[in-house]
N, C-alpha and C. Protein backbone atom coordinates (compact mmCIF):
# COMPACT_ATOMS: atom_id res chain seq x y z
N MET A 1 149.99 139.60 99.33
CA MET A 1 149.14 138.51 98.90
C MET A 1 148.45 138.93 97.60
N PRO A 2 148.31 138.02 96.62
CA PRO A 2 147.63 138.37 95.37
C PRO A 2 146.17 138.75 95.60
N GLU A 3 145.67 139.64 94.77
CA GLU A 3 144.26 140.06 94.83
C GLU A 3 143.55 139.57 93.58
N TYR A 4 142.34 139.02 93.73
CA TYR A 4 141.58 138.46 92.63
C TYR A 4 140.22 139.13 92.55
N GLU A 5 139.65 139.17 91.36
CA GLU A 5 138.27 139.60 91.17
C GLU A 5 137.48 138.38 90.73
N VAL A 6 136.43 138.04 91.46
CA VAL A 6 135.65 136.83 91.22
C VAL A 6 134.21 137.22 90.89
N SER A 7 133.68 136.71 89.79
CA SER A 7 132.27 136.92 89.44
C SER A 7 131.46 135.75 90.00
N ILE A 8 130.41 136.05 90.74
CA ILE A 8 129.57 135.04 91.38
C ILE A 8 128.11 135.36 91.06
N THR A 9 127.32 134.33 90.80
CA THR A 9 125.89 134.51 90.56
C THR A 9 125.11 133.90 91.72
N HIS A 10 124.18 134.65 92.29
CA HIS A 10 123.28 134.17 93.33
C HIS A 10 121.85 134.33 92.84
N SER A 11 121.01 133.39 93.21
CA SER A 11 119.57 133.53 92.97
C SER A 11 118.85 133.43 94.30
N PHE A 12 117.84 134.22 94.47
CA PHE A 12 117.06 134.22 95.69
C PHE A 12 115.60 133.97 95.36
N LEU A 13 114.92 133.26 96.20
CA LEU A 13 113.47 133.13 96.13
C LEU A 13 112.94 133.88 97.34
N VAL A 14 112.30 135.00 97.11
CA VAL A 14 111.86 135.89 98.18
C VAL A 14 110.35 135.82 98.29
N LYS A 15 109.83 135.56 99.49
CA LYS A 15 108.39 135.65 99.73
C LYS A 15 108.16 137.00 100.40
N ILE A 16 107.31 137.80 99.76
CA ILE A 16 107.09 139.17 100.24
C ILE A 16 105.61 139.50 100.12
N GLN A 17 105.08 140.21 101.10
CA GLN A 17 103.73 140.74 101.02
C GLN A 17 103.85 142.18 100.54
N ALA A 18 103.16 142.49 99.45
CA ALA A 18 103.22 143.83 98.88
C ALA A 18 101.88 144.14 98.22
N LYS A 19 101.70 145.39 97.85
CA LYS A 19 100.43 145.83 97.25
C LYS A 19 100.21 145.29 95.85
N SER A 20 101.29 144.99 95.12
CA SER A 20 101.17 144.51 93.74
C SER A 20 102.40 143.69 93.38
N ALA A 21 102.31 142.98 92.27
CA ALA A 21 103.45 142.20 91.78
C ALA A 21 104.61 143.14 91.43
N GLU A 22 104.30 144.29 90.85
CA GLU A 22 105.34 145.26 90.51
C GLU A 22 106.04 145.77 91.76
N ASP A 23 105.28 146.09 92.81
CA ASP A 23 105.88 146.52 94.07
C ASP A 23 106.72 145.40 94.68
N ALA A 24 106.22 144.17 94.62
CA ALA A 24 106.95 143.04 95.19
C ALA A 24 108.32 142.90 94.52
N ALA A 25 108.34 142.96 93.20
CA ALA A 25 109.60 142.83 92.47
C ALA A 25 110.53 144.01 92.78
N ARG A 26 110.00 145.22 92.70
CA ARG A 26 110.82 146.42 92.92
C ARG A 26 111.39 146.48 94.33
N LEU A 27 110.55 146.21 95.33
CA LEU A 27 110.99 146.29 96.72
C LEU A 27 111.98 145.17 97.07
N SER A 28 111.77 143.99 96.51
CA SER A 28 112.71 142.89 96.74
C SER A 28 114.08 143.23 96.17
N GLU A 29 114.10 143.76 94.96
CA GLU A 29 115.37 144.16 94.35
C GLU A 29 116.06 145.25 95.17
N PHE A 30 115.30 146.21 95.63
CA PHE A 30 115.87 147.37 96.32
C PHE A 30 116.44 147.03 97.69
N PHE A 31 115.74 146.20 98.46
CA PHE A 31 116.11 146.00 99.85
C PHE A 31 117.00 144.79 100.12
N LEU A 32 117.21 143.92 99.14
CA LEU A 32 118.17 142.83 99.34
C LEU A 32 119.57 143.39 99.24
N THR A 33 120.45 142.97 100.14
CA THR A 33 121.82 143.47 100.14
C THR A 33 122.80 142.31 100.22
N TYR A 34 124.03 142.59 99.92
CA TYR A 34 125.12 141.63 100.02
C TYR A 34 126.12 142.15 101.03
N SER A 35 126.69 141.24 101.81
CA SER A 35 127.70 141.63 102.77
C SER A 35 128.68 140.48 102.98
N ASP A 36 129.82 140.78 103.55
CA ASP A 36 130.82 139.78 103.88
C ASP A 36 130.34 139.03 105.12
N GLY A 37 130.04 137.76 104.98
CA GLY A 37 129.54 136.96 106.09
C GLY A 37 130.63 136.28 106.90
N SER A 38 131.89 136.55 106.59
CA SER A 38 132.99 135.90 107.31
C SER A 38 133.26 136.62 108.63
N SER A 39 133.71 135.83 109.61
CA SER A 39 134.09 136.41 110.90
C SER A 39 135.60 136.69 110.90
N GLU A 40 136.05 137.45 111.85
CA GLU A 40 137.48 137.74 112.00
C GLU A 40 138.27 136.44 112.15
N GLN A 41 137.72 135.50 112.92
CA GLN A 41 138.40 134.21 113.12
C GLN A 41 138.51 133.44 111.81
N GLU A 42 137.47 133.43 110.99
CA GLU A 42 137.51 132.74 109.69
C GLU A 42 138.51 133.38 108.75
N ARG A 43 138.56 134.72 108.76
CA ARG A 43 139.53 135.42 107.90
C ARG A 43 140.96 135.09 108.31
N GLU A 44 141.21 135.02 109.60
CA GLU A 44 142.54 134.66 110.09
C GLU A 44 142.87 133.20 109.77
N LYS A 45 141.93 132.29 110.01
CA LYS A 45 142.15 130.86 109.78
C LYS A 45 142.46 130.56 108.32
N HIS A 46 141.72 131.18 107.40
CA HIS A 46 141.88 130.89 105.97
C HIS A 46 142.76 131.92 105.25
N ASP A 47 143.26 132.91 105.99
CA ASP A 47 144.17 133.92 105.48
C ASP A 47 143.63 134.62 104.24
N PHE A 48 142.51 135.33 104.41
CA PHE A 48 141.93 136.11 103.31
C PHE A 48 141.26 137.35 103.86
N LYS A 49 140.97 138.27 102.96
CA LYS A 49 140.23 139.48 103.31
C LYS A 49 139.43 139.89 102.09
N ILE A 50 138.12 140.02 102.22
CA ILE A 50 137.28 140.51 101.13
C ILE A 50 137.37 142.03 101.15
N GLU A 51 137.90 142.57 100.08
CA GLU A 51 138.13 144.02 100.00
C GLU A 51 136.86 144.79 99.67
N GLN A 52 136.07 144.26 98.73
CA GLN A 52 134.90 145.00 98.26
C GLN A 52 133.89 144.02 97.67
N ILE A 53 132.62 144.29 97.86
CA ILE A 53 131.55 143.55 97.20
C ILE A 53 130.70 144.58 96.46
N GLU A 54 130.60 144.39 95.16
CA GLU A 54 129.84 145.32 94.32
C GLU A 54 128.70 144.57 93.65
N LEU A 55 127.49 145.03 93.85
CA LEU A 55 126.33 144.45 93.20
C LEU A 55 126.33 144.90 91.75
N THR A 56 126.43 143.95 90.82
CA THR A 56 126.51 144.32 89.41
C THR A 56 125.25 143.99 88.63
N GLN A 57 124.40 143.12 89.17
CA GLN A 57 123.13 142.81 88.53
C GLN A 57 122.12 142.44 89.61
N ASN A 58 120.92 142.99 89.51
CA ASN A 58 119.89 142.74 90.52
C ASN A 58 118.53 142.91 89.85
N ASP A 59 118.07 141.86 89.18
CA ASP A 59 116.84 141.94 88.42
C ASP A 59 115.86 140.84 88.83
N ALA A 60 114.65 141.22 89.22
CA ALA A 60 113.60 140.24 89.46
C ALA A 60 113.15 139.74 88.11
N PHE A 61 113.01 138.43 87.94
CA PHE A 61 112.64 137.90 86.63
C PHE A 61 111.34 137.14 86.63
N GLU A 62 110.77 136.87 87.81
CA GLU A 62 109.49 136.17 87.87
C GLU A 62 108.80 136.52 89.18
N VAL A 63 107.51 136.82 89.12
CA VAL A 63 106.71 137.10 90.31
C VAL A 63 105.44 136.27 90.22
N ASN A 64 105.18 135.46 91.25
CA ASN A 64 103.99 134.62 91.30
C ASN A 64 103.17 134.94 92.52
N LEU A 65 101.86 135.12 92.35
CA LEU A 65 100.95 135.36 93.45
C LEU A 65 100.71 134.05 94.18
N LEU A 66 101.04 134.00 95.49
CA LEU A 66 100.87 132.80 96.29
C LEU A 66 99.53 132.77 96.99
N GLN A 67 99.11 133.93 97.51
CA GLN A 67 97.87 134.00 98.26
C GLN A 67 97.35 135.42 98.18
N ASN A 68 96.06 135.58 98.01
CA ASN A 68 95.47 136.91 97.90
C ASN A 68 94.63 137.20 99.12
């Protein structure tokens, strides 16, 4: 079966309690992960297999204080 490399962009809005805006951004970036969310049944039904997921960009770009 042919193998493809696909570039995908995701954005997340994360609500986090942290000591500072800098900690909130840094900890959100560090602890968010990506994984294959497909089940064995879905992979069989649609005839695919995700070989690898590589995080290529992970930058917090805005931090807003919601409540102090």
